[in-house]
């Protein structure tokens, strides 16, 4: 999937769950349609958090302009 938005992921998950439902794979499972809806929503939220589009940032200014001093190591013995 090129751009995995929440809506696209949810649609894909819904298609997969619906095909399993129509195939009869949930016939013996003690699960309701409401439960399936919650599962679909949960998977969509989890996957969209994992595959969200990241913003491209310009090169960091630190590389071009390093700090004029470096931090001193702590003199406290720990």
Protein backbone atom coordinates (compact mmCIF):
# COMPACT_ATOMS: atom_id res chain seq x y z
CA UNK A 1 0.00 0.00 0.00
CA UNK A 2 1.59 3.26 -1.12
CA UNK A 3 -0.10 5.67 1.27
CA UNK A 4 -1.39 3.69 4.26
CA UNK A 5 -3.95 6.14 5.63
CA UNK A 6 -6.34 5.14 8.40
CA UNK A 7 -9.22 4.89 5.93
CA UNK A 8 -7.29 2.70 3.47
CA UNK A 9 -6.04 0.39 6.21
CA UNK A 10 -9.52 0.13 7.73
CA UNK A 11 -11.01 -0.67 4.33
CA UNK A 12 -8.44 -3.41 3.72
CA UNK A 13 -8.99 -4.93 7.17
CA UNK A 14 -12.77 -4.79 6.66
CA UNK A 15 -12.42 -6.65 3.33
CA UNK A 16 -10.30 -9.35 4.96
CA UNK A 17 -12.67 -9.80 7.92
CA UNK A 18 -15.74 -9.80 5.62
CA UNK A 19 -14.21 -12.49 3.41
CA UNK A 20 -13.52 -14.65 6.48
CA UNK A 21 -17.07 -14.01 7.72
CA UNK A 22 -18.64 -14.93 4.37
CA UNK A 23 -16.44 -18.04 4.21
CA UNK A 24 -17.96 -19.21 7.50
CA UNK A 25 -14.77 -19.05 9.50
CA UNK A 26 -16.55 -17.31 12.40
CA UNK A 27 -19.52 -19.69 12.52
CA UNK A 28 -18.32 -21.55 15.61
CA UNK A 29 -16.74 -18.52 17.30
CA UNK A 30 -18.59 -16.87 20.21
CA UNK A 31 -18.14 -13.42 18.67
CA UNK A 32 -20.71 -10.78 17.73
CA UNK A 33 -20.71 -8.37 14.82
CA UNK A 34 -20.13 -5.61 17.35
CA UNK A 35 -17.01 -7.46 18.54
CA UNK A 36 -15.79 -7.74 14.95
CA UNK A 37 -16.32 -4.00 14.46
CA UNK A 38 -14.21 -3.28 17.57
CA UNK A 39 -11.49 -5.61 16.31
CA UNK A 40 -11.45 -3.93 12.90
CA UNK A 41 -11.21 -0.49 14.51
CA UNK A 42 -8.43 -1.62 16.82
CA UNK A 43 -6.37 -3.13 14.00
CA UNK A 44 -6.85 -0.01 11.87
CA UNK A 45 -5.74 2.28 14.69
CA UNK A 46 -2.69 0.15 15.50
CA UNK A 47 -1.58 -0.21 11.89
CA UNK A 48 -2.11 3.46 11.09
CA UNK A 49 0.07 4.35 14.09
CA UNK A 50 2.80 2.04 12.81
CA UNK A 51 2.61 3.05 9.14
CA UNK A 52 1.82 6.76 9.41
CA UNK A 53 3.43 9.06 6.87
CA UNK A 54 6.50 10.74 8.25
CA UNK A 55 7.26 14.36 7.53
CA UNK A 56 10.55 15.00 5.75
CA UNK A 57 12.61 17.59 7.59
CA UNK A 58 15.43 19.68 6.09
CA UNK A 59 18.96 18.91 7.19
CA UNK A 60 19.55 19.83 10.79
CA UNK A 61 21.25 23.19 11.32
CA UNK A 62 23.51 21.63 13.98
CA UNK A 63 25.49 19.83 11.30
CA UNK A 64 26.23 23.10 9.55
CA UNK A 65 26.74 25.17 12.72
CA UNK A 66 28.08 22.98 15.50
CA UNK A 67 27.87 24.23 19.07
CA UNK A 68 30.76 26.57 20.02
CA UNK A 69 31.51 24.47 23.10
CA UNK A 70 31.11 20.89 24.15
CA UNK A 71 29.47 19.92 27.43
CA UNK A 72 31.88 19.04 30.21
CA UNK A 73 31.70 15.59 31.71
CA UNK A 74 30.27 15.50 35.19
CA UNK A 75 32.93 15.77 37.89
CA UNK A 76 30.67 14.14 40.48
CA UNK A 77 31.46 10.54 41.27
CA UNK A 78 28.28 8.51 41.07
